[in-house]
Each structure stands twice: as structure tokens, then as C-alpha cells.
Amino acid sequence: MSTPDERGAATVLAVAMSGALLLVGAATGVVAAIFVAHRQAQAAADLAALAGATAVADHHGRDPCGQAADVAAANDAALSSCAVEGEDVVVEVVVVGPRWLGQDEDLTARARAGPASAGSG
């Protein structure tokens, strides 16, 4: 039998453990959301660079950076920089990051695309 001083100790412990589990779960959710947003940013950058490089290779007068911006926007990203270096296109995109638990940074990704060099293969 418990003494009057020990009554409710298990309740306090259960509430404390529930709070700790809630905090760990929220932190895990933030990390997962950042991971997903970074993958989204990298995919958008890769696709935007490929679209720009295709425009360069086609020689039809299309703007490579305009094509890259269109593809980035279609993938929920914003083109923050674009440079045509010879036949290569280098892009940087920004994706809005999660806004949980103090996380307020946007995620960026860079990609380069162009024709394969003659020495690769």
C-alpha cells in the first residue's frame, strides 16, 4: 500500500513522459519536412537545368533561363540564379522550407546540365 506522499507520482511521471514524446515527435516531424523540402529543391534544380540545357542544344532561339524558370515554377520552386556557360546551364532554385518549431529558412539547390564531354563514357 502506498503512503499519502506517493499518491499521483505515476500520473506526474506519465505526463512528463508524454510531453517528452510529443517534443521528440515534433522535432522528428521538422527534420522529415526539411528532408522532403530539400529533395524537392534538388529535383526542381535538376529538372530546371535540364530544361535550360535542352533549350541551348536545340538552337531554336528559346531563352534557356526562361525555360529553366518555367520548369522550376512547375515544381513549386523559384529560380534564384541562372547562368549559361558555353553549352552548360547552371541554375539555383529556392523552395520554401517548413515553418515549424522556429525553422524559418528556405532551402536552395544548385544543378548543372549540358552535353556529355567527349571523355566520359
PDB file of N, CA and C in Angstrom:
ATOM      1  N   MET A   1       0.839  -1.164   0.000  1.00  0.00           N
ATOM      2  CA  MET A   1       0.000   0.000   0.000  1.00  0.00           C
ATOM      3  C   MET A   1       0.894   1.240   0.000  1.00  0.00           C
ATOM      4  N   SER A   2       0.522   2.258  -0.787  1.00  0.00           N
ATOM      5  CA  SER A   2       1.339   3.463  -0.884  1.00  0.00           C
ATOM      6  C   SER A   2       0.955   4.455   0.204  1.00  0.00           C
ATOM      7  N   THR A   3       1.937   5.261   0.532  1.00  0.00           N
ATOM      8  CA  THR A   3       1.691   6.287   1.539  1.00  0.00           C
ATOM      9  C   THR A   3       1.049   7.495   0.866  1.00  0.00           C
ATOM     10  N   PRO A   4       0.420   8.372   1.614  1.00  0.00           N
ATOM     11  CA  PRO A   4      -0.233   9.552   1.030  1.00  0.00           C
ATOM     12  C   PRO A   4       0.739  10.435   0.242  1.00  0.00           C
ATOM     13  N   ASP A   5       2.037  10.460   0.586  1.00  0.00           N
ATOM     14  CA  ASP A   5       3.004  11.299  -0.121  1.00  0.00           C
ATOM     15  C   ASP A   5       3.297  10.784  -1.522  1.00  0.00           C
ATOM     16  N   GLU A   6       3.035   9.510  -1.801  1.00  0.00           N
ATOM     17  CA  GLU A   6       3.355   8.911  -3.093  1.00  0.00           C
ATOM     18  C   GLU A   6       2.173   8.927  -4.071  1.00  0.00           C
ATOM     19  N   ARG A   7       1.023   9.345  -3.622  1.00  0.00           N
ATOM     20  CA  ARG A   7      -0.150   9.358  -4.488  1.00  0.00           C
ATOM     21  C   ARG A   7       0.050  10.347  -5.625  1.00  0.00           C
ATOM     22  N   GLY A   8      -0.252   9.928  -6.853  1.00  0.00           N
ATOM     23  CA  GLY A   8      -0.157  10.792  -8.017  1.00  0.00           C
ATOM     24  C   GLY A   8       1.227  10.842  -8.641  1.00  0.00           C
ATOM     25  N   ALA A   9       2.212  10.170  -8.076  1.00  0.00           N
ATOM     26  CA  ALA A   9       3.570  10.191  -8.627  1.00  0.00           C
ATOM     27  C   ALA A   9       3.593   9.567 -10.017  1.00  0.00           C
ATOM     28  N   ALA A  10       2.839   8.512 -10.223  1.00  0.00           N
ATOM     29  CA  ALA A  10       2.803   7.862 -11.544  1.00  0.00           C
ATOM     30  C   ALA A  10       2.126   8.771 -12.573  1.00  0.00           C
ATOM     31  N   THR A  11       1.148   9.526 -12.159  1.00  0.00           N
ATOM     32  CA  THR A  11       0.477  10.459 -13.070  1.00  0.00           C
ATOM     33  C   THR A  11       1.434  11.550 -13.523  1.00  0.00           C
ATOM     34  N   VAL A  12       2.196  12.094 -12.592  1.00  0.00           N
ATOM     35  CA  VAL A  12       3.169  13.132 -12.928  1.00  0.00           C
ATOM     36  C   VAL A  12       4.219  12.568 -13.886  1.00  0.00           C
ATOM     37  N   LEU A  13       4.694  11.371 -13.614  1.00  0.00           N
ATOM     38  CA  LEU A  13       5.676  10.729 -14.480  1.00  0.00           C
ATOM     39  C   LEU A  13       5.098  10.469 -15.875  1.00  0.00           C
ATOM     40  N   ALA A  14       3.861  10.014 -15.952  1.00  0.00           N
ATOM     41  CA  ALA A  14       3.222   9.751 -17.251  1.00  0.00           C
ATOM     42  C   ALA A  14       3.047  11.041 -18.052  1.00  0.00           C
ATOM     43  N   VAL A  15       2.667  12.131 -17.387  1.00  0.00           N
ATOM     44  CA  VAL A  15       2.514  13.414 -18.072  1.00  0.00           C
ATOM     45  C   VAL A  15       3.864  13.906 -18.567  1.00  0.00           C
ATOM     46  N   ALA A  16       4.899  13.787 -17.774  1.00  0.00           N
ATOM     47  CA  ALA A  16       6.243  14.214 -18.176  1.00  0.00           C
ATOM     48  C   ALA A  16       6.748  13.391 -19.367  1.00  0.00           C
ATOM     49  N   MET A  17       6.536  12.106 -19.339  1.00  0.00           N
ATOM     50  CA  MET A  17       6.972  11.239 -20.440  1.00  0.00           C
ATOM     51  C   MET A  17       6.168  11.544 -21.709  1.00  0.00           C
ATOM     52  N   SER A  18       4.887  11.829 -21.565  1.00  0.00           N
ATOM     53  CA  SER A  18       4.071  12.192 -22.732  1.00  0.00           C
ATOM     54  C   SER A  18       4.560  13.493 -23.353  1.00  0.00           C
ATOM     55  N   GLY A  19       4.919  14.459 -22.522  1.00  0.00           N
ATOM     56  CA  GLY A  19       5.466  15.716 -23.026  1.00  0.00           C
ATOM     57  C   GLY A  19       6.778  15.515 -23.755  1.00  0.00           C
ATOM     58  N   ALA A  20       7.639  14.677 -23.226  1.00  0.00           N
ATOM     59  CA  ALA A  20       8.922  14.387 -23.881  1.00  0.00           C
ATOM     60  C   ALA A  20       8.691  13.694 -25.218  1.00  0.00           C
ATOM     61  N   LEU A  21       7.781  12.745 -25.256  1.00  0.00           N
ATOM     62  CA  LEU A  21       7.473  12.061 -26.517  1.00  0.00           C
ATOM     63  C   LEU A  21       6.891  13.020 -27.548  1.00  0.00           C
ATOM     64  N   LEU A  22       6.051  13.940 -27.101  1.00  0.00           N
ATOM     65  CA  LEU A  22       5.472  14.931 -28.005  1.00  0.00           C
ATOM     66  C   LEU A  22       6.567  15.826 -28.593  1.00  0.00           C
ATOM     67  N   LEU A  23       7.509  16.254 -27.771  1.00  0.00           N
ATOM     68  CA  LEU A  23       8.606  17.092 -28.239  1.00  0.00           C
ATOM     69  C   LEU A  23       9.490  16.344 -29.236  1.00  0.00           C
ATOM     70  N   VAL A  24       9.829  15.105 -28.948  1.00  0.00           N
ATOM     71  CA  VAL A  24      10.641  14.302 -29.872  1.00  0.00           C
ATOM     72  C   VAL A  24       9.886  14.078 -31.181  1.00  0.00           C
ATOM     73  N   GLY A  25       8.602  13.832 -31.106  1.00  0.00           N
ATOM     74  CA  GLY A  25       7.801  13.643 -32.325  1.00  0.00           C
ATOM     75  C   GLY A  25       7.751  14.901 -33.175  1.00  0.00           C
ATOM     76  N   ALA A  26       7.604  16.059 -32.537  1.00  0.00           N
ATOM     77  CA  ALA A  26       7.568  17.320 -33.282  1.00  0.00           C
ATOM     78  C   ALA A  26       8.924  17.593 -33.935  1.00  0.00           C
ATOM     79  N   ALA A  27      10.010  17.340 -33.223  1.00  0.00           N
ATOM     80  CA  ALA A  27      11.343  17.548 -33.789  1.00  0.00           C
ATOM     81  C   ALA A  27      11.585  16.597 -34.957  1.00  0.00           C
ATOM     82  N   THR A  28      11.140  15.376 -34.845  1.00  0.00           N
ATOM     83  CA  THR A  28      11.273  14.412 -35.937  1.00  0.00           C
ATOM     84  C   THR A  28      10.467  14.870 -37.149  1.00  0.00           C
ATOM     85  N   GLY A  29       9.295  15.429 -36.898  1.00  0.00           N
ATOM     86  CA  GLY A  29       8.485  15.953 -37.998  1.00  0.00           C
ATOM     87  C   GLY A  29       9.172  17.094 -38.725  1.00  0.00           C
ATOM     88  N   VAL A  30       9.839  17.978 -37.985  1.00  0.00           N
ATOM     89  CA  VAL A  30      10.566  19.087 -38.608  1.00  0.00           C
ATOM     90  C   VAL A  30      11.709  18.568 -39.459  1.00  0.00           C
ATOM     91  N   VAL A  31      12.471  17.630 -38.937  1.00  0.00           N
ATOM     92  CA  VAL A  31      13.590  17.058 -39.695  1.00  0.00           C
ATOM     93  C   VAL A  31      13.084  16.376 -40.963  1.00  0.00           C
ATOM     94  N   ALA A  32      11.999  15.640 -40.857  1.00  0.00           N
ATOM     95  CA  ALA A  32      11.434  14.973 -42.044  1.00  0.00           C
ATOM     96  C   ALA A  32      10.949  16.002 -43.063  1.00  0.00           C
ATOM     97  N   ALA A  33      10.321  17.070 -42.612  1.00  0.00           N
ATOM     98  CA  ALA A  33       9.837  18.104 -43.537  1.00  0.00           C
ATOM     99  C   ALA A  33      10.995  18.818 -44.232  1.00  0.00           C
ATOM    100  N   ILE A  34      12.087  19.062 -43.509  1.00  0.00           N
ATOM    101  CA  ILE A  34      13.271  19.671 -44.125  1.00  0.00           C
ATOM    102  C   ILE A  34      13.859  18.738 -45.168  1.00  0.00           C
ATOM    103  N   PHE A  35      13.940  17.460 -44.854  1.00  0.00           N
ATOM    104  CA  PHE A  35      14.470  16.473 -45.799  1.00  0.00           C
ATOM    105  C   PHE A  35      13.630  16.442 -47.075  1.00  0.00           C
ATOM    106  N   VAL A  36      12.332  16.414 -46.940  1.00  0.00           N
ATOM    107  CA  VAL A  36      11.443  16.374 -48.107  1.00  0.00           C
ATOM    108  C   VAL A  36      11.579  17.657 -48.926  1.00  0.00           C
ATOM    109  N   ALA A  37      11.642  18.808 -48.269  1.00  0.00           N
ATOM    110  CA  ALA A  37      11.779  20.070 -48.988  1.00  0.00           C
ATOM    111  C   ALA A  37      13.118  20.151 -49.717  1.00  0.00           C
ATOM    112  N   HIS A  38      14.177  19.626 -49.110  1.00  0.00           N
ATOM    113  CA  HIS A  38      15.478  19.639 -49.786  1.00  0.00           C
ATOM    114  C   HIS A  38      15.450  18.735 -51.019  1.00  0.00           C
ATOM    115  N   ARG A  39      14.827  17.590 -50.915  1.00  0.00           N
ATOM    116  CA  ARG A  39      14.711  16.700 -52.083  1.00  0.00           C
ATOM    117  C   ARG A  39      13.890  17.372 -53.178  1.00  0.00           C
ATOM    118  N   GLN A  40      12.843  18.082 -52.795  1.00  0.00           N
ATOM    119  CA  GLN A  40      12.026  18.808 -53.769  1.00  0.00           C
ATOM    120  C   GLN A  40      12.864  19.883 -54.454  1.00  0.00           C
ATOM    121  N   ALA A  41      13.671  20.597 -53.671  1.00  0.00           N
ATOM    122  CA  ALA A  41      14.526  21.643 -54.242  1.00  0.00           C
ATOM    123  C   ALA A  41      15.536  21.049 -55.209  1.00  0.00           C
ATOM    124  N   GLN A  42      16.155  19.937 -54.852  1.00  0.00           N
ATOM    125  CA  GLN A  42      17.161  19.339 -55.728  1.00  0.00           C
ATOM    126  C   GLN A  42      16.529  18.801 -57.005  1.00  0.00           C
ATOM    127  N   ALA A  43      15.367  18.206 -56.894  1.00  0.00           N
ATOM    128  CA  ALA A  43      14.684  17.720 -58.098  1.00  0.00           C
ATOM    129  C   ALA A  43      14.311  18.875 -59.017  1.00  0.00           C
ATOM    130  N   ALA A  44      13.807  19.969 -58.438  1.00  0.00           N
ATOM    131  CA  ALA A  44      13.443  21.139 -59.243  1.00  0.00           C
ATOM    132  C   ALA A  44      14.675  21.732 -59.920  1.00  0.00           C
ATOM    133  N   ALA A  45      15.809  21.783 -59.207  1.00  0.00           N
ATOM    134  CA  ALA A  45      17.041  22.320 -59.791  1.00  0.00           C
ATOM    135  C   ALA A  45      17.532  21.430 -60.926  1.00  0.00           C
ATOM    136  N   ASP A  46      17.506  20.118 -60.728  1.00  0.00           N
ATOM    137  CA  ASP A  46      17.935  19.193 -61.774  1.00  0.00           C
ATOM    138  C   ASP A  46      17.083  19.345 -63.034  1.00  0.00           C
ATOM    139  N   LEU A  47      15.777  19.377 -62.849  1.00  0.00           N
ATOM    140  CA  LEU A  47      14.880  19.485 -63.997  1.00  0.00           C
ATOM    141  C   LEU A  47      15.002  20.840 -64.690  1.00  0.00           C
ATOM    142  N   ALA A  48      15.181  21.907 -63.892  1.00  0.00           N
ATOM    143  CA  ALA A  48      15.334  23.240 -64.481  1.00  0.00           C
ATOM    144  C   ALA A  48      16.621  23.324 -65.295  1.00  0.00           C
ATOM    145  N   ALA A  49      17.705  22.762 -64.789  1.00  0.00           N
ATOM    146  CA  ALA A  49      18.970  22.771 -65.516  1.00  0.00           C
ATOM    147  C   ALA A  49      18.855  21.971 -66.814  1.00  0.00           C
ATOM    148  N   LEU A  50      18.179  20.853 -66.758  1.00  0.00           N
ATOM    149  CA  LEU A  50      17.983  20.048 -67.975  1.00  0.00           C
ATOM    150  C   LEU A  50      17.140  20.803 -69.004  1.00  0.00           C
ATOM    151  N   ALA A  51      16.117  21.497 -68.545  1.00  0.00           N
ATOM    152  CA  ALA A  51      15.282  22.274 -69.471  1.00  0.00           C
ATOM    153  C   ALA A  51      16.102  23.388 -70.118  1.00  0.00           C
ATOM    154  N   GLY A  52      16.927  24.058 -69.324  1.00  0.00           N
ATOM    155  CA  GLY A  52      17.780  25.104 -69.875  1.00  0.00           C
ATOM    156  C   GLY A  52      18.801  24.559 -70.863  1.00  0.00           C
ATOM    157  N   ALA A  53      19.405  23.434 -70.527  1.00  0.00           N
ATOM    158  CA  ALA A  53      20.396  22.834 -71.421  1.00  0.00           C
ATOM    159  C   ALA A  53      19.754  22.345 -72.716  1.00  0.00           C
ATOM    160  N   THR A  54      18.537  21.868 -72.629  1.00  0.00           N
ATOM    161  CA  THR A  54      17.818  21.449 -73.832  1.00  0.00           C
ATOM    162  C   THR A  54      17.551  22.649 -74.735  1.00  0.00           C
ATOM    163  N   ALA A  55      17.190  23.772 -74.139  1.00  0.00           N
ATOM    164  CA  ALA A  55      16.957  24.990 -74.927  1.00  0.00           C
ATOM    165  C   ALA A  55      18.246  25.444 -75.608  1.00  0.00           C
ATOM    166  N   VAL A  56      19.378  25.324 -74.940  1.00  0.00           N
ATOM    167  CA  VAL A  56      20.668  25.690 -75.540  1.00  0.00           C
ATOM    168  C   VAL A  56      20.979  24.748 -76.699  1.00  0.00           C
ATOM    169  N   ALA A  57      20.769  23.463 -76.496  1.00  0.00           N
ATOM    170  CA  ALA A  57      21.123  22.459 -77.513  1.00  0.00           C
ATOM    171  C   ALA A  57      20.214  22.513 -78.729  1.00  0.00           C
ATOM    172  N   ASP A  58      18.957  22.928 -78.564  1.00  0.00           N
ATOM    173  CA  ASP A  58      18.006  22.942 -79.679  1.00  0.00           C
ATOM    174  C   ASP A  58      18.279  24.045 -80.694  1.00  0.00           C
ATOM    175  N   HIS A  59      18.926  25.130 -80.279  1.00  0.00           N
ATOM    176  CA  HIS A  59      19.253  26.250 -81.172  1.00  0.00           C
ATOM    177  C   HIS A  59      18.010  26.829 -81.858  1.00  0.00           C
ATOM    178  N   HIS A  60      16.881  26.867 -81.153  1.00  0.00           N
ATOM    179  CA  HIS A  60      15.655  27.435 -81.727  1.00  0.00           C
ATOM    180  C   HIS A  60      15.377  28.829 -81.194  1.00  0.00           C
ATOM    181  N   GLY A  61      16.352  29.442 -80.556  1.00  0.00           N
ATOM    182  CA  GLY A  61      16.187  30.792 -80.065  1.00  0.00           C
ATOM    183  C   GLY A  61      15.416  30.918 -78.764  1.00  0.00           C
ATOM    184  N   ARG A  62      15.100  29.804 -78.117  1.00  0.00           N
ATOM    185  CA  ARG A  62      14.397  29.877 -76.834  1.00  0.00           C
ATOM    186  C   ARG A  62      15.371  30.328 -75.745  1.00  0.00           C
ATOM    187  N   ASP A  63      14.865  31.071 -74.799  1.00  0.00           N
ATOM    188  CA  ASP A  63      15.678  31.543 -73.677  1.00  0.00           C
ATOM    189  C   ASP A  63      15.904  30.397 -72.688  1.00  0.00           C
ATOM    190  N   PRO A  64      17.160  29.942 -72.512  1.00  0.00           N
ATOM    191  CA  PRO A  64      17.421  28.824 -71.592  1.00  0.00           C
ATOM    192  C   PRO A  64      16.993  29.127 -70.155  1.00  0.00           C
ATOM    193  N   CYS A  65      17.246  30.346 -69.700  1.00  0.00           N
ATOM    194  CA  CYS A  65      16.884  30.686 -68.329  1.00  0.00           C
ATOM    195  C   CYS A  65      15.364  30.829 -68.164  1.00  0.00           C
ATOM    196  N   GLY A  66      14.698  31.267 -69.214  1.00  0.00           N
ATOM    197  CA  GLY A  66      13.232  31.319 -69.181  1.00  0.00           C
ATOM    198  C   GLY A  66      12.633  29.926 -69.094  1.00  0.00           C
ATOM    199  N   GLN A  67      13.201  29.003 -69.865  1.00  0.00           N
ATOM    200  CA  GLN A  67      12.738  27.610 -69.808  1.00  0.00           C
ATOM    201  C   GLN A  67      12.996  27.031 -68.417  1.00  0.00           C
ATOM    202  N   ALA A  68      14.186  27.310 -67.875  1.00  0.00           N
ATOM    203  CA  ALA A  68      14.530  26.802 -66.540  1.00  0.00           C
ATOM    204  C   ALA A  68      13.575  27.369 -65.490  1.00  0.00           C
ATOM    205  N   ALA A  69      13.249  28.655 -65.594  1.00  0.00           N
ATOM    206  CA  ALA A  69      12.331  29.274 -64.632  1.00  0.00           C
ATOM    207  C   ALA A  69      10.940  28.662 -64.714  1.00  0.00           C
ATOM    208  N   ASP A  70      10.481  28.371 -65.925  1.00  0.00           N
ATOM    209  CA  ASP A  70       9.165  27.751 -66.096  1.00  0.00           C
ATOM    210  C   ASP A  70       9.118  26.371 -65.445  1.00  0.00           C
ATOM    211  N   VAL A  71      10.163  25.588 -65.668  1.00  0.00           N
ATOM    212  CA  VAL A  71      10.196  24.235 -65.099  1.00  0.00           C
ATOM    213  C   VAL A  71      10.334  24.296 -63.583  1.00  0.00           C
ATOM    214  N   ALA A  72      11.147  25.223 -63.073  1.00  0.00           N
ATOM    215  CA  ALA A  72      11.268  25.367 -61.614  1.00  0.00           C
ATOM    216  C   ALA A  72       9.920  25.732 -61.004  1.00  0.00           C
ATOM    217  N   ALA A  73       9.217  26.667 -61.613  1.00  0.00           N
ATOM    218  CA  ALA A  73       7.908  27.076 -61.095  1.00  0.00           C
ATOM    219  C   ALA A  73       6.909  25.921 -61.140  1.00  0.00           C
ATOM    220  N   ALA A  74       6.987  25.103 -62.182  1.00  0.00           N
ATOM    221  CA  ALA A  74       6.086  23.949 -62.282  1.00  0.00           C
ATOM    222  C   ALA A  74       6.367  22.925 -61.185  1.00  0.00           C
ATOM    223  N   ASN A  75       7.548  23.007 -60.579  1.00  0.00           N
ATOM    224  CA  ASN A  75       7.921  22.098 -59.496  1.00  0.00           C
ATOM    225  C   ASN A  75       7.938  22.807 -58.145  1.00  0.00           C
ATOM    226  N   ASP A  76       7.138  23.864 -58.020  1.00  0.00           N
ATOM    227  CA  ASP A  76       6.971  24.611 -56.760  1.00  0.00           C
ATOM    228  C   ASP A  76       8.280  25.171 -56.222  1.00  0.00           C
ATOM    229  N   ALA A  77       9.127  25.653 -57.122  1.00  0.00           N
ATOM    230  CA  ALA A  77      10.381  26.283 -56.732  1.00  0.00           C
ATOM    231  C   ALA A  77      10.509  27.606 -57.479  1.00  0.00           C
ATOM    232  N   ALA A  78      11.413  28.447 -57.012  1.00  0.00           N
ATOM    233  CA  ALA A  78      11.681  29.717 -57.683  1.00  0.00           C
ATOM    234  C   ALA A  78      13.130  29.720 -58.141  1.00  0.00           C
ATOM    235  N   LEU A  79      13.343  30.099 -59.377  1.00  0.00           N
ATOM    236  CA  LEU A  79      14.695  30.180 -59.915  1.00  0.00           C
ATOM    237  C   LEU A  79      15.361  31.424 -59.333  1.00  0.00           C
ATOM    238  N   SER A  80      16.451  31.232 -58.600  1.00  0.00           N
ATOM    239  CA  SER A  80      17.129  32.380 -57.990  1.00  0.00           C
ATOM    240  C   SER A  80      18.346  32.819 -58.792  1.00  0.00           C
ATOM    241  N   SER A  81      18.933  31.911 -59.567  1.00  0.00           N
ATOM    242  CA  SER A  81      20.016  32.307 -60.467  1.00  0.00           C
ATOM    243  C   SER A  81      20.105  31.322 -61.616  1.00  0.00           C
ATOM    244  N   CYS A  82      20.584  31.843 -62.746  1.00  0.00           N
ATOM    245  CA  CYS A  82      20.734  31.017 -63.940  1.00  0.00           C
ATOM    246  C   CYS A  82      21.886  31.598 -64.741  1.00  0.00           C
ATOM    247  N   ALA A  83      22.782  30.730 -65.172  1.00  0.00           N
ATOM    248  CA  ALA A  83      23.918  31.174 -65.985  1.00  0.00           C
ATOM    249  C   ALA A  83      24.157  30.157 -67.093  1.00  0.00           C
ATOM    250  N   VAL A  84      24.362  30.673 -68.297  1.00  0.00           N
ATOM    251  CA  VAL A  84      24.711  29.820 -69.429  1.00  0.00           C
ATOM    252  C   VAL A  84      26.222  29.919 -69.595  1.00  0.00           C
ATOM    253  N   GLU A  85      26.892  28.793 -69.436  1.00  0.00           N
ATOM    254  CA  GLU A  85      28.351  28.715 -69.542  1.00  0.00           C
ATOM    255  C   GLU A  85      28.695  27.811 -70.709  1.00  0.00           C
ATOM    256  N   GLY A  86      28.856  28.404 -71.868  1.00  0.00           N
ATOM    257  CA  GLY A  86      29.072  27.601 -73.070  1.00  0.00           C
ATOM    258  C   GLY A  86      27.790  26.868 -73.413  1.00  0.00           C
ATOM    259  N   GLU A  87      27.862  25.545 -73.400  1.00  0.00           N
ATOM    260  CA  GLU A  87      26.665  24.732 -73.643  1.00  0.00           C
ATOM    261  C   GLU A  87      26.045  24.227 -72.345  1.00  0.00           C
ATOM    262  N   ASP A  88      26.640  24.587 -71.220  1.00  0.00           N
ATOM    263  CA  ASP A  88      26.119  24.179 -69.914  1.00  0.00           C
ATOM    264  C   ASP A  88      25.209  25.266 -69.351  1.00  0.00           C
ATOM    265  N   VAL A  89      24.251  24.826 -68.566  1.00  0.00           N
ATOM    266  CA  VAL A  89      23.371  25.745 -67.845  1.00  0.00           C
ATOM    267  C   VAL A  89      23.491  25.411 -66.363  1.00  0.00           C
ATOM    268  N   VAL A  90      23.768  26.445 -65.563  1.00  0.00           N
ATOM    269  CA  VAL A  90      23.885  26.283 -64.114  1.00  0.00           C
ATOM    270  C   VAL A  90      22.750  27.081 -63.473  1.00  0.00           C
ATOM    271  N   VAL A  91      21.966  26.409 -62.641  1.00  0.00           N
ATOM    272  CA  VAL A  91      20.819  27.056 -62.006  1.00  0.00           C
ATOM    273  C   VAL A  91      20.881  26.878 -60.498  1.00  0.00           C
ATOM    274  N   GLU A  92      20.203  27.787 -59.822  1.00  0.00           N
ATOM    275  CA  GLU A  92      19.976  27.657 -58.387  1.00  0.00           C
ATOM    276  C   GLU A  92      18.511  27.960 -58.140  1.00  0.00           C
ATOM    277  N   VAL A  93      17.858  27.102 -57.374  1.00  0.00           N
ATOM    278  CA  VAL A  93      16.442  27.286 -57.068  1.00  0.00           C
ATOM    279  C   VAL A  93      16.244  27.375 -55.561  1.00  0.00           C
ATOM    280  N   VAL A  94      15.107  27.952 -55.184  1.00  0.00           N
ATOM    281  CA  VAL A  94      14.735  28.096 -53.774  1.00  0.00           C
ATOM    282  C   VAL A  94      13.354  27.493 -53.586  1.00  0.00           C
ATOM    283  N   VAL A  95      13.223  26.708 -52.525  1.00  0.00           N
ATOM    284  CA  VAL A  95      11.942  26.120 -52.138  1.00  0.00           C
ATOM    285  C   VAL A  95      11.634  26.597 -50.724  1.00  0.00           C
ATOM    286  N   VAL A  96      10.408  26.979 -50.479  1.00  0.00           N
ATOM    287  CA  VAL A  96      10.010  27.419 -49.147  1.00  0.00           C
ATOM    288  C   VAL A  96      10.116  26.244 -48.190  1.00  0.00           C
ATOM    289  N   GLY A  97      10.848  26.458 -47.107  1.00  0.00           N
ATOM    290  CA  GLY A  97      11.032  25.405 -46.109  1.00  0.00           C
ATOM    291  C   GLY A  97       9.885  25.359 -45.117  1.00  0.00           C
ATOM    292  N   PRO A  98       9.862  24.335 -44.288  1.00  0.00           N
ATOM    293  CA  PRO A  98       8.806  24.233 -43.276  1.00  0.00           C
ATOM    294  C   PRO A  98       8.952  25.345 -42.248  1.00  0.00           C
ATOM    295  N   ARG A  99       7.869  25.770 -41.710  1.00  0.00           N
ATOM    296  CA  ARG A  99       7.854  26.857 -40.724  1.00  0.00           C
ATOM    297  C   ARG A  99       7.378  26.329 -39.370  1.00  0.00           C
ATOM    298  N   TRP A 100       8.062  25.311 -38.856  1.00  0.00           N
ATOM    299  CA  TRP A 100       7.691  24.695 -37.593  1.00  0.00           C
ATOM    300  C   TRP A 100       8.801  24.872 -36.576  1.00  0.00           C
ATOM    301  N   LEU A 101       8.456  24.975 -35.344  1.00  0.00           N
ATOM    302  CA  LEU A 101       9.387  24.999 -34.214  1.00  0.00           C
ATOM    303  C   LEU A 101      10.586  25.912 -34.448  1.00  0.00           C
ATOM    304  N   GLY A 102      10.348  27.092 -34.951  1.00  0.00           N
ATOM    305  CA  GLY A 102      11.420  28.040 -35.139  1.00  0.00           C
ATOM    306  C   GLY A 102      12.192  27.904 -36.436  1.00  0.00           C
ATOM    307  N   GLN A 103      11.925  26.895 -37.220  1.00  0.00           N
ATOM    308  CA  GLN A 103      12.593  26.717 -38.509  1.00  0.00           C
ATOM    309  C   GLN A 103      11.973  27.710 -39.484  1.00  0.00           C
ATOM    310  N   ASP A 104      12.785  28.627 -40.021  1.00  0.00           N
ATOM    311  CA  ASP A 104      12.239  29.624 -40.934  1.00  0.00           C
ATOM    312  C   ASP A 104      13.118  29.848 -42.153  1.00  0.00           C
ATOM    313  N   GLU A 105      13.995  28.913 -42.448  1.00  0.00           N
ATOM    314  CA  GLU A 105      14.883  29.038 -43.595  1.00  0.00           C
ATOM    315  C   GLU A 105      14.278  28.371 -44.826  1.00  0.00           C
ATOM    316  N   ASP A 106      14.539  28.977 -45.982  1.00  0.00           N
ATOM    317  CA  ASP A 106      14.169  28.344 -47.241  1.00  0.00           C
ATOM    318  C   ASP A 106      15.332  27.460 -47.688  1.00  0.00           C
ATOM    319  N   LEU A 107      15.036  26.488 -48.524  1.00  0.00           N
ATOM    320  CA  LEU A 107      16.058  25.551 -48.962  1.00  0.00           C
ATOM    321  C   LEU A 107      16.452  25.848 -50.402  1.00  0.00           C
ATOM    322  N   THR A 108      17.742  25.778 -50.681  1.00  0.00           N
ATOM    323  CA  THR A 108      18.250  26.042 -52.020  1.00  0.00           C
ATOM    324  C   THR A 108      18.943  24.801 -52.553  1.00  0.00           C
ATOM    325  N   ALA A 109      19.006  24.729 -53.861  1.00  0.00           N
ATOM    326  CA  ALA A 109      19.722  23.631 -54.516  1.00  0.00           C
ATOM    327  C   ALA A 109      20.300  24.151 -55.824  1.00  0.00           C
ATOM    328  N   ARG A 110      21.432  23.630 -56.210  1.00  0.00           N
ATOM    329  CA  ARG A 110      22.093  24.013 -57.454  1.00  0.00           C
ATOM    330  C   ARG A 110      22.211  22.791 -58.344  1.00  0.00           C
ATOM    331  N   ALA A 111      22.217  23.038 -59.647  1.00  0.00           N
ATOM    332  CA  ALA A 111      22.406  21.946 -60.609  1.00  0.00           C
ATOM    333  C   ALA A 111      23.046  22.503 -61.873  1.00  0.00           C
ATOM    334  N   ARG A 112      23.756  21.652 -62.561  1.00  0.00           N
ATOM    335  CA  ARG A 112      24.394  21.978 -63.832  1.00  0.00           C
ATOM    336  C   ARG A 112      24.000  20.893 -64.825  1.00  0.00           C
ATOM    337  N   ALA A 113      23.701  21.314 -66.038  1.00  0.00           N
ATOM    338  CA  ALA A 113      23.361  20.346 -67.090  1.00  0.00           C
ATOM    339  C   ALA A 113      23.928  20.852 -68.410  1.00  0.00           C
ATOM    340  N   GLY A 114      24.294  19.909 -69.242  1.00  0.00           N
ATOM    341  CA  GLY A 114      24.840  20.215 -70.556  1.00  0.00           C
ATOM    342  C   GLY A 114      25.215  18.916 -71.255  1.00  0.00           C
ATOM    343  N   PRO A 115      25.780  19.029 -72.429  1.00  0.00           N
ATOM    344  CA  PRO A 115      26.135  17.814 -73.163  1.00  0.00           C
ATOM    345  C   PRO A 115      27.273  17.081 -72.454  1.00  0.00           C
ATOM    346  N   ALA A 116      27.286  15.779 -72.621  1.00  0.00           N
ATOM    347  CA  ALA A 116      28.346  14.965 -72.041  1.00  0.00           C
ATOM    348  C   ALA A 116      29.659  15.293 -72.729  1.00  0.00           C
ATOM    349  N   SER A 117      30.725  15.339 -71.941  1.00  0.00           N
ATOM    350  CA  SER A 117      32.027  15.602 -72.551  1.00  0.00           C
ATOM    351  C   SER A 117      32.494  14.378 -73.318  1.00  0.00           C
ATOM    352  N   ALA A 118      33.382  14.594 -74.297  1.00  0.00           N
ATOM    353  CA  ALA A 118      33.832  13.506 -75.161  1.00  0.00           C
ATOM    354  C   ALA A 118      34.587  12.437 -74.393  1.00  0.00           C
ATOM    355  N   GLY A 119      35.205  12.786 -73.270  1.00  0.00           N
ATOM    356  CA  GLY A 119      35.998  11.823 -72.496  1.00  0.00           C
ATOM    357  C   GLY A 119      35.186  10.961 -71.570  1.00  0.00           C
ATOM    358  N   SER A 120      33.908  11.265 -71.368  1.00  0.00           N
ATOM    359  CA  SER A 120      33.118  10.460 -70.449  1.00  0.00           C
ATOM    360  C   SER A 120      32.502   9.279 -71.174  1.00  0.00           C
ATOM    361  N   GLY A 121      32.218   8.262 -70.399  1.00  0.00           N
ATOM    362  CA  GLY A 121      31.545   7.134 -71.025  1.00  0.00           C
ATOM    363  C   GLY A 121      31.810   5.882 -70.431  1.00  0.00           C
TER     364      GLY A 121
END
